[in-house]
Amino acid sequence: MYDIIKNMIVEITSGNTAWMGQRSRLALIGGIMINCDGAGTDMFCPLMFEVTHQDGSKRDLYEKIFGHFKENNPFLREALVMKKN
């Protein structure tokens, strides 16, 4: 489900940069909310952090911000294994 929504959002935002000024940036962060028992215990597992420039170029900031490769994220690793099978 995450991939479907991510692809839809990326498709919508990547084809429309006319609203952006020369110094504008569009930051997209995506992931999975993990609902846990107890008040205030829910967690967010980030799976994407990209910045798009007016010219359409993108910069992946995931590793810089979250400090590890996407492949080392246990949720993403599981999804990659499922995708291969």
PDB file of N, CA and C in Angstrom:
ATOM      1  N   MET A   1       0.824  -1.179   0.000  1.00  0.00           N
ATOM      2  CA  MET A   1       0.000   0.000   0.000  1.00  0.00           C
ATOM      3  C   MET A   1       0.877   1.255   0.000  1.00  0.00           C
ATOM      4  N   TYR A   2       1.961   1.228   0.767  1.00  0.00           N
ATOM      5  CA  TYR A   2       2.863   2.382   0.820  1.00  0.00           C
ATOM      6  C   TYR A   2       3.381   2.728  -0.570  1.00  0.00           C
ATOM      7  N   ASP A   3       3.813   1.725  -1.327  1.00  0.00           N
ATOM      8  CA  ASP A   3       4.359   1.964  -2.667  1.00  0.00           C
ATOM      9  C   ASP A   3       3.329   2.588  -3.599  1.00  0.00           C
ATOM     10  N   ILE A   4       2.083   2.159  -3.503  1.00  0.00           N
ATOM     11  CA  ILE A   4       1.028   2.708  -4.362  1.00  0.00           C
ATOM     12  C   ILE A   4       0.848   4.193  -4.086  1.00  0.00           C
ATOM     13  N   ILE A   5       0.741   4.548  -2.813  1.00  0.00           N
ATOM     14  CA  ILE A   5       0.537   5.944  -2.433  1.00  0.00           C
ATOM     15  C   ILE A   5       1.769   6.784  -2.780  1.00  0.00           C
ATOM     16  N   LYS A   6       2.963   6.246  -2.498  1.00  0.00           N
ATOM     17  CA  LYS A   6       4.200   6.971  -2.816  1.00  0.00           C
ATOM     18  C   LYS A   6       4.281   7.265  -4.309  1.00  0.00           C
ATOM     19  N   ASN A   7       4.017   6.267  -5.140  1.00  0.00           N
ATOM     20  CA  ASN A   7       4.083   6.458  -6.585  1.00  0.00           C
ATOM     21  C   ASN A   7       3.079   7.508  -7.059  1.00  0.00           C
ATOM     22  N   MET A   8       1.893   7.504  -6.470  1.00  0.00           N
ATOM     23  CA  MET A   8       0.870   8.476  -6.844  1.00  0.00           C
ATOM     24  C   MET A   8       1.312   9.897  -6.477  1.00  0.00           C
ATOM     25  N   ILE A   9       1.822  10.086  -5.267  1.00  0.00           N
ATOM     26  CA  ILE A   9       2.276  11.406  -4.819  1.00  0.00           C
ATOM     27  C   ILE A   9       3.453  11.896  -5.660  1.00  0.00           C
ATOM     28  N   VAL A  10       4.402  11.025  -5.928  1.00  0.00           N
ATOM     29  CA  VAL A  10       5.572  11.408  -6.734  1.00  0.00           C
ATOM     30  C   VAL A  10       5.132  11.780  -8.149  1.00  0.00           C
ATOM     31  N   GLU A  11       4.206  11.034  -8.707  1.00  0.00           N
ATOM     32  CA  GLU A  11       3.714  11.337 -10.054  1.00  0.00           C
ATOM     33  C   GLU A  11       3.021  12.702 -10.089  1.00  0.00           C
ATOM     34  N   ILE A  12       2.213  12.996  -9.090  1.00  0.00           N
ATOM     35  CA  ILE A  12       1.502  14.274  -9.035  1.00  0.00           C
ATOM     36  C   ILE A  12       2.479  15.435  -8.881  1.00  0.00           C
ATOM     37  N   THR A  13       3.442  15.293  -7.996  1.00  0.00           N
ATOM     38  CA  THR A  13       4.334  16.412  -7.684  1.00  0.00           C
ATOM     39  C   THR A  13       5.458  16.594  -8.704  1.00  0.00           C
ATOM     40  N   SER A  14       5.914  15.532  -9.343  1.00  0.00           N
ATOM     41  CA  SER A  14       7.052  15.670 -10.255  1.00  0.00           C
ATOM     42  C   SER A  14       6.659  16.320 -11.569  1.00  0.00           C
ATOM     43  N   GLY A  15       5.423  16.236 -11.962  1.00  0.00           N
ATOM     44  CA  GLY A  15       5.020  16.811 -13.237  1.00  0.00           C
ATOM     45  C   GLY A  15       4.548  18.247 -13.140  1.00  0.00           C
ATOM     46  N   ASN A  16       4.565  18.822 -11.945  1.00  0.00           N
ATOM     47  CA  ASN A  16       4.007  20.161 -11.787  1.00  0.00           C
ATOM     48  C   ASN A  16       4.923  21.013 -10.917  1.00  0.00           C
ATOM     49  N   THR A  17       5.897  21.651 -11.548  1.00  0.00           N
ATOM     50  CA  THR A  17       6.806  22.539 -10.811  1.00  0.00           C
ATOM     51  C   THR A  17       6.646  23.992 -11.238  1.00  0.00           C
ATOM     52  N   ALA A  18       5.614  24.291 -12.035  1.00  0.00           N
ATOM     53  CA  ALA A  18       5.408  25.655 -12.522  1.00  0.00           C
ATOM     54  C   ALA A  18       5.147  26.639 -11.377  1.00  0.00           C
ATOM     55  N   TRP A  19       4.604  26.177 -10.284  1.00  0.00           N
ATOM     56  CA  TRP A  19       4.293  27.048  -9.143  1.00  0.00           C
ATOM     57  C   TRP A  19       5.548  27.445  -8.376  1.00  0.00           C
ATOM     58  N   MET A  20       6.636  26.743  -8.613  1.00  0.00           N
ATOM     59  CA  MET A  20       7.847  26.961  -7.837  1.00  0.00           C
ATOM     60  C   MET A  20       8.630  28.170  -8.347  1.00  0.00           C
ATOM     61  N   GLY A  21       9.194  28.927  -7.411  1.00  0.00           N
ATOM     62  CA  GLY A  21      10.130  29.988  -7.756  1.00  0.00           C
ATOM     63  C   GLY A  21      11.504  29.401  -7.964  1.00  0.00           C
ATOM     64  N   GLN A  22      12.460  30.242  -8.352  1.00  0.00           N
ATOM     65  CA  GLN A  22      13.806  29.765  -8.648  1.00  0.00           C
ATOM     66  C   GLN A  22      14.470  29.115  -7.440  1.00  0.00           C
ATOM     67  N   ARG A  23      14.192  29.610  -6.249  1.00  0.00           N
ATOM     68  CA  ARG A  23      14.815  29.059  -5.042  1.00  0.00           C
ATOM     69  C   ARG A  23      13.895  28.117  -4.268  1.00  0.00           C
ATOM     70  N   SER A  24      12.740  27.796  -4.834  1.00  0.00           N
ATOM     71  CA  SER A  24      11.783  26.922  -4.152  1.00  0.00           C
ATOM     72  C   SER A  24      12.273  25.484  -4.108  1.00  0.00           C
ATOM     73  N   ARG A  25      11.831  24.778  -3.088  1.00  0.00           N
ATOM     74  CA  ARG A  25      12.110  23.349  -2.938  1.00  0.00           C
ATOM     75  C   ARG A  25      10.836  22.682  -2.435  1.00  0.00           C
ATOM     76  N   LEU A  26      10.605  21.452  -2.862  1.00  0.00           N
ATOM     77  CA  LEU A  26       9.494  20.658  -2.370  1.00  0.00           C
ATOM     78  C   LEU A  26      10.087  19.459  -1.645  1.00  0.00           C
ATOM     79  N   ALA A  27       9.823  19.358  -0.359  1.00  0.00           N
ATOM     80  CA  ALA A  27      10.328  18.233   0.433  1.00  0.00           C
ATOM     81  C   ALA A  27       9.202  17.227   0.642  1.00  0.00           C
ATOM     82  N   LEU A  28       9.478  15.974   0.321  1.00  0.00           N
ATOM     83  CA  LEU A  28       8.525  14.895   0.548  1.00  0.00           C
ATOM     84  C   LEU A  28       9.136  13.895   1.518  1.00  0.00           C
ATOM     85  N   ILE A  29       8.411  13.640   2.582  1.00  0.00           N
ATOM     86  CA  ILE A  29       8.822  12.626   3.540  1.00  0.00           C
ATOM     87  C   ILE A  29       7.690  11.619   3.646  1.00  0.00           C
ATOM     88  N   GLY A  30       8.028  10.364   3.596  1.00  0.00           N
ATOM     89  CA  GLY A  30       7.005   9.325   3.645  1.00  0.00           C
ATOM     90  C   GLY A  30       7.463   8.157   4.482  1.00  0.00           C
ATOM     91  N   GLY A  31       6.506   7.428   4.960  1.00  0.00           N
ATOM     92  CA  GLY A  31       6.823   6.266   5.769  1.00  0.00           C
ATOM     93  C   GLY A  31       5.569   5.575   6.253  1.00  0.00           C
ATOM     94  N   ILE A  32       5.729   4.811   7.300  1.00  0.00           N
ATOM     95  CA  ILE A  32       4.643   4.006   7.857  1.00  0.00           C
ATOM     96  C   ILE A  32       4.438   4.391   9.311  1.00  0.00           C
ATOM     97  N   MET A  33       3.187   4.644   9.678  1.00  0.00           N
ATOM     98  CA  MET A  33       2.844   4.870  11.085  1.00  0.00           C
ATOM     99  C   MET A  33       2.653   3.519  11.751  1.00  0.00           C
ATOM    100  N   ILE A  34       3.263   3.348  12.898  1.00  0.00           N
ATOM    101  CA  ILE A  34       3.149   2.109  13.661  1.00  0.00           C
ATOM    102  C   ILE A  34       2.331   2.415  14.902  1.00  0.00           C
ATOM    103  N   ASN A  35       1.126   1.867  14.943  1.00  0.00           N
ATOM    104  CA  ASN A  35       0.232   2.094  16.066  1.00  0.00           C
ATOM    105  C   ASN A  35       0.558   1.121  17.185  1.00  0.00           C
ATOM    106  N   CYS A  36       0.842   1.670  18.365  1.00  0.00           N
ATOM    107  CA  CYS A  36       1.213   0.864  19.529  1.00  0.00           C
ATOM    108  C   CYS A  36       0.215   1.103  20.660  1.00  0.00           C
ATOM    109  N   ASP A  37       0.167   0.163  21.599  1.00  0.00           N
ATOM    110  CA  ASP A  37      -0.679   0.332  22.771  1.00  0.00           C
ATOM    111  C   ASP A  37      -0.127   1.436  23.658  1.00  0.00           C
ATOM    112  N   GLY A  38      -1.030   2.153  24.321  1.00  0.00           N
ATOM    113  CA  GLY A  38      -0.614   3.194  25.255  1.00  0.00           C
ATOM    114  C   GLY A  38      -0.607   4.571  24.611  1.00  0.00           C
ATOM    115  N   ALA A  39      -0.866   5.546  25.407  1.00  0.00           N
ATOM    116  CA  ALA A  39      -0.902   6.927  24.919  1.00  0.00           C
ATOM    117  C   ALA A  39       0.507   7.413  24.573  1.00  0.00           C
ATOM    118  N   GLY A  40       0.641   8.003  23.407  1.00  0.00           N
ATOM    119  CA  GLY A  40       1.917   8.586  23.005  1.00  0.00           C
ATOM    120  C   GLY A  40       2.997   7.592  22.630  1.00  0.00           C
ATOM    121  N   THR A  41       2.627   6.356  22.329  1.00  0.00           N
ATOM    122  CA  THR A  41       3.644   5.354  22.004  1.00  0.00           C
ATOM    123  C   THR A  41       3.718   5.034  20.516  1.00  0.00           C
ATOM    124  N   ASP A  42       2.837   5.644  19.718  1.00  0.00           N
ATOM    125  CA  ASP A  42       2.887   5.406  18.275  1.00  0.00           C
ATOM    126  C   ASP A  42       4.239   5.876  17.725  1.00  0.00           C
ATOM    127  N   MET A  43       4.684   5.228  16.662  1.00  0.00           N
ATOM    128  CA  MET A  43       5.978   5.556  16.070  1.00  0.00           C
ATOM    129  C   MET A  43       5.830   5.764  14.572  1.00  0.00           C
ATOM    130  N   PHE A  44       6.774   6.484  13.994  1.00  0.00           N
ATOM    131  CA  PHE A  44       6.826   6.706  12.557  1.00  0.00           C
ATOM    132  C   PHE A  44       8.100   6.071  12.026  1.00  0.00           C
ATOM    133  N   CYS A  45       7.962   5.218  11.036  1.00  0.00           N
ATOM    134  CA  CYS A  45       9.116   4.587  10.393  1.00  0.00           C
ATOM    135  C   CYS A  45       9.325   5.259   9.039  1.00  0.00           C
ATOM    136  N   PRO A  46      10.318   6.144   8.925  1.00  0.00           N
ATOM    137  CA  PRO A  46      10.545   6.848   7.658  1.00  0.00           C
ATOM    138  C   PRO A  46      11.101   5.913   6.585  1.00  0.00           C
ATOM    139  N   LEU A  47      10.600   6.066   5.372  1.00  0.00           N
ATOM    140  CA  LEU A  47      11.070   5.258   4.255  1.00  0.00           C
ATOM    141  C   LEU A  47      11.527   6.115   3.082  1.00  0.00           C
ATOM    142  N   MET A  48      11.259   7.424   3.146  1.00  0.00           N
ATOM    143  CA  MET A  48      11.621   8.308   2.042  1.00  0.00           C
ATOM    144  C   MET A  48      11.791   9.736   2.554  1.00  0.00           C
ATOM    145  N   PHE A  49      12.797  10.423   2.031  1.00  0.00           N
ATOM    146  CA  PHE A  49      12.946  11.862   2.250  1.00  0.00           C
ATOM    147  C   PHE A  49      13.659  12.421   1.030  1.00  0.00           C
ATOM    148  N   GLU A  50      12.911  13.085   0.166  1.00  0.00           N
ATOM    149  CA  GLU A  50      13.455  13.637  -1.065  1.00  0.00           C
ATOM    150  C   GLU A  50      13.124  15.121  -1.172  1.00  0.00           C
ATOM    151  N   VAL A  51      14.018  15.861  -1.784  1.00  0.00           N
ATOM    152  CA  VAL A  51      13.783  17.273  -2.066  1.00  0.00           C
ATOM    153  C   VAL A  51      13.844  17.457  -3.576  1.00  0.00           C
ATOM    154  N   THR A  52      12.800  18.093  -4.121  1.00  0.00           N
ATOM    155  CA  THR A  52      12.712  18.356  -5.554  1.00  0.00           C
ATOM    156  C   THR A  52      12.938  19.834  -5.819  1.00  0.00           C
ATOM    157  N   HIS A  53      13.736  20.127  -6.842  1.00  0.00           N
ATOM    158  CA  HIS A  53      14.023  21.498  -7.251  1.00  0.00           C
ATOM    159  C   HIS A  53      13.131  21.870  -8.437  1.00  0.00           C
ATOM    160  N   GLN A  54      13.079  23.145  -8.765  1.00  0.00           N
ATOM    161  CA  GLN A  54      12.220  23.629  -9.838  1.00  0.00           C
ATOM    162  C   GLN A  54      12.532  22.956 -11.171  1.00  0.00           C
ATOM    163  N   ASP A  55      13.792  22.669 -11.427  1.00  0.00           N
ATOM    164  CA  ASP A  55      14.164  22.041 -12.699  1.00  0.00           C
ATOM    165  C   ASP A  55      13.821  20.549 -12.763  1.00  0.00           C
ATOM    166  N   GLY A  56      13.220  20.021 -11.690  1.00  0.00           N
ATOM    167  CA  GLY A  56      12.819  18.623 -11.661  1.00  0.00           C
ATOM    168  C   GLY A  56      13.853  17.692 -11.048  1.00  0.00           C
ATOM    169  N   SER A  57      15.051  18.201 -10.789  1.00  0.00           N
ATOM    170  CA  SER A  57      16.066  17.350 -10.169  1.00  0.00           C
ATOM    171  C   SER A  57      15.679  17.053  -8.721  1.00  0.00           C
ATOM    172  N   LYS A  58      16.099  15.883  -8.269  1.00  0.00           N
ATOM    173  CA  LYS A  58      15.753  15.445  -6.913  1.00  0.00           C
ATOM    174  C   LYS A  58      17.013  15.117  -6.135  1.00  0.00           C
ATOM    175  N   ARG A  59      16.922  15.312  -4.836  1.00  0.00           N
ATOM    176  CA  ARG A  59      18.021  14.955  -3.954  1.00  0.00           C
ATOM    177  C   ARG A  59      17.466  14.058  -2.860  1.00  0.00           C
ATOM    178  N   ASP A  60      18.044  12.875  -2.719  1.00  0.00           N
ATOM    179  CA  ASP A  60      17.619  11.923  -1.694  1.00  0.00           C
ATOM    180  C   ASP A  60      18.379  12.227  -0.410  1.00  0.00           C
ATOM    181  N   LEU A  61      17.663  12.668   0.622  1.00  0.00           N
ATOM    182  CA  LEU A  61      18.284  13.043   1.894  1.00  0.00           C
ATOM    183  C   LEU A  61      18.077  11.996   2.986  1.00  0.00           C
ATOM    184  N   TYR A  62      17.552  10.845   2.626  1.00  0.00           N
ATOM    185  CA  TYR A  62      17.213   9.824   3.621  1.00  0.00           C
ATOM    186  C   TYR A  62      18.407   9.473   4.516  1.00  0.00           C
ATOM    187  N   GLU A  63      19.505   9.089   3.906  1.00  0.00           N
ATOM    188  CA  GLU A  63      20.670   8.653   4.686  1.00  0.00           C
ATOM    189  C   GLU A  63      21.245   9.799   5.521  1.00  0.00           C
ATOM    190  N   LYS A  64      21.300  10.990   4.954  1.00  0.00           N
ATOM    191  CA  LYS A  64      21.854  12.135   5.679  1.00  0.00           C
ATOM    192  C   LYS A  64      21.019  12.459   6.921  1.00  0.00           C
ATOM    193  N   ILE A  65      19.701  12.404   6.796  1.00  0.00           N
ATOM    194  CA  ILE A  65      18.823  12.765   7.901  1.00  0.00           C
ATOM    195  C   ILE A  65      18.659  11.634   8.906  1.00  0.00           C
ATOM    196  N   PHE A  66      18.457  10.411   8.417  1.00  0.00           N
ATOM    197  CA  PHE A  66      18.142   9.295   9.319  1.00  0.00           C
ATOM    198  C   PHE A  66      19.355   8.440   9.676  1.00  0.00           C
ATOM    199  N   GLY A  67      20.491   8.679   9.030  1.00  0.00           N
ATOM    200  CA  GLY A  67      21.748   8.083   9.446  1.00  0.00           C
ATOM    201  C   GLY A  67      21.971   6.631   9.099  1.00  0.00           C
ATOM    202  N   HIS A  68      21.192   6.058   8.235  1.00  0.00           N
ATOM    203  CA  HIS A  68      21.456   4.689   7.807  1.00  0.00           C
ATOM    204  C   HIS A  68      20.900   4.478   6.413  1.00  0.00           C
ATOM    205  N   PHE A  69      21.413   3.467   5.750  1.00  0.00           N
ATOM    206  CA  PHE A  69      20.929   3.150   4.421  1.00  0.00           C
ATOM    207  C   PHE A  69      19.503   2.632   4.506  1.00  0.00           C
ATOM    208  N   LYS A  70      18.717   2.901   3.478  1.00  0.00           N
ATOM    209  CA  LYS A  70      17.340   2.415   3.450  1.00  0.00           C
ATOM    210  C   LYS A  70      17.297   0.897   3.587  1.00  0.00           C
ATOM    211  N   GLU A  71      18.260   0.223   2.998  1.00  0.00           N
ATOM    212  CA  GLU A  71      18.268  -1.233   3.018  1.00  0.00           C
ATOM    213  C   GLU A  71      18.455  -1.781   4.436  1.00  0.00           C
ATOM    214  N   ASN A  72      18.983  -0.970   5.371  1.00  0.00           N
ATOM    215  CA  ASN A  72      19.163  -1.412   6.747  1.00  0.00           C
ATOM    216  C   ASN A  72      17.931  -1.162   7.609  1.00  0.00           C
ATOM    217  N   ASN A  73      16.926  -0.493   7.051  1.00  0.00           N
ATOM    218  CA  ASN A  73      15.681  -0.272   7.766  1.00  0.00           C
ATOM    219  C   ASN A  73      14.927  -1.603   7.790  1.00  0.00           C
ATOM    220  N   PRO A  74      14.609  -2.143   8.978  1.00  0.00           N
ATOM    221  CA  PRO A  74      13.992  -3.472   9.036  1.00  0.00           C
ATOM    222  C   PRO A  74      12.662  -3.560   8.294  1.00  0.00           C
ATOM    223  N   PHE A  75      11.882  -2.504   8.284  1.00  0.00           N
ATOM    224  CA  PHE A  75      10.607  -2.534   7.582  1.00  0.00           C
ATOM    225  C   PHE A  75      10.819  -2.558   6.081  1.00  0.00           C
ATOM    226  N   LEU A  76      11.755  -1.772   5.597  1.00  0.00           N
ATOM    227  CA  LEU A  76      12.033  -1.731   4.175  1.00  0.00           C
ATOM    228  C   LEU A  76      12.699  -3.023   3.716  1.00  0.00           C
ATOM    229  N   ARG A  77      13.585  -3.569   4.533  1.00  0.00           N
ATOM    230  CA  ARG A  77      14.258  -4.824   4.186  1.00  0.00           C
ATOM    231  C   ARG A  77      13.218  -5.931   3.989  1.00  0.00           C
ATOM    232  N   GLU A  78      12.241  -5.992   4.886  1.00  0.00           N
ATOM    233  CA  GLU A  78      11.176  -6.984   4.767  1.00  0.00           C
ATOM    234  C   GLU A  78      10.374  -6.776   3.491  1.00  0.00           C
ATOM    235  N   ALA A  79      10.080  -5.522   3.152  1.00  0.00           N
ATOM    236  CA  ALA A  79       9.335  -5.215   1.933  1.00  0.00           C
ATOM    237  C   ALA A  79      10.128  -5.606   0.694  1.00  0.00           C
ATOM    238  N   LEU A  80      11.437  -5.387   0.709  1.00  0.00           N
ATOM    239  CA  LEU A  80      12.274  -5.756  -0.432  1.00  0.00           C
ATOM    240  C   LEU A  80      12.294  -7.266  -0.628  1.00  0.00           C
ATOM    241  N   VAL A  81      12.343  -8.026   0.468  1.00  0.00           N
ATOM    242  CA  VAL A  81      12.323  -9.490   0.394  1.00  0.00           C
ATOM    243  C   VAL A  81      10.990  -9.958  -0.191  1.00  0.00           C
ATOM    244  N   MET A  82       9.892  -9.355   0.281  1.00  0.00           N
ATOM    245  CA  MET A  82       8.567  -9.731  -0.219  1.00  0.00           C
ATOM    246  C   MET A  82       8.423  -9.385  -1.699  1.00  0.00           C
ATOM    247  N   LYS A  83       9.004  -8.277  -2.134  1.00  0.00           N
ATOM    248  CA  LYS A  83       8.893  -7.828  -3.521  1.00  0.00           C
ATOM    249  C   LYS A  83       9.632  -8.792  -4.464  1.00  0.00           C
ATOM    250  N   LYS A  84      10.755  -9.356  -4.000  1.00  0.00           N
ATOM    251  CA  LYS A  84      11.554 -10.261  -4.830  1.00  0.00           C
ATOM    252  C   LYS A  84      10.849 -11.591  -5.045  1.00  0.00           C
ATOM    253  N   ASN A  85      10.026 -12.011  -4.100  1.00  0.00           N
ATOM    254  CA  ASN A  85       9.372 -13.337  -4.194  1.00  0.00           C
ATOM    255  C   ASN A  85       8.114 -13.304  -4.982  1.00  0.00           C
TER     256      ASN A  85
END
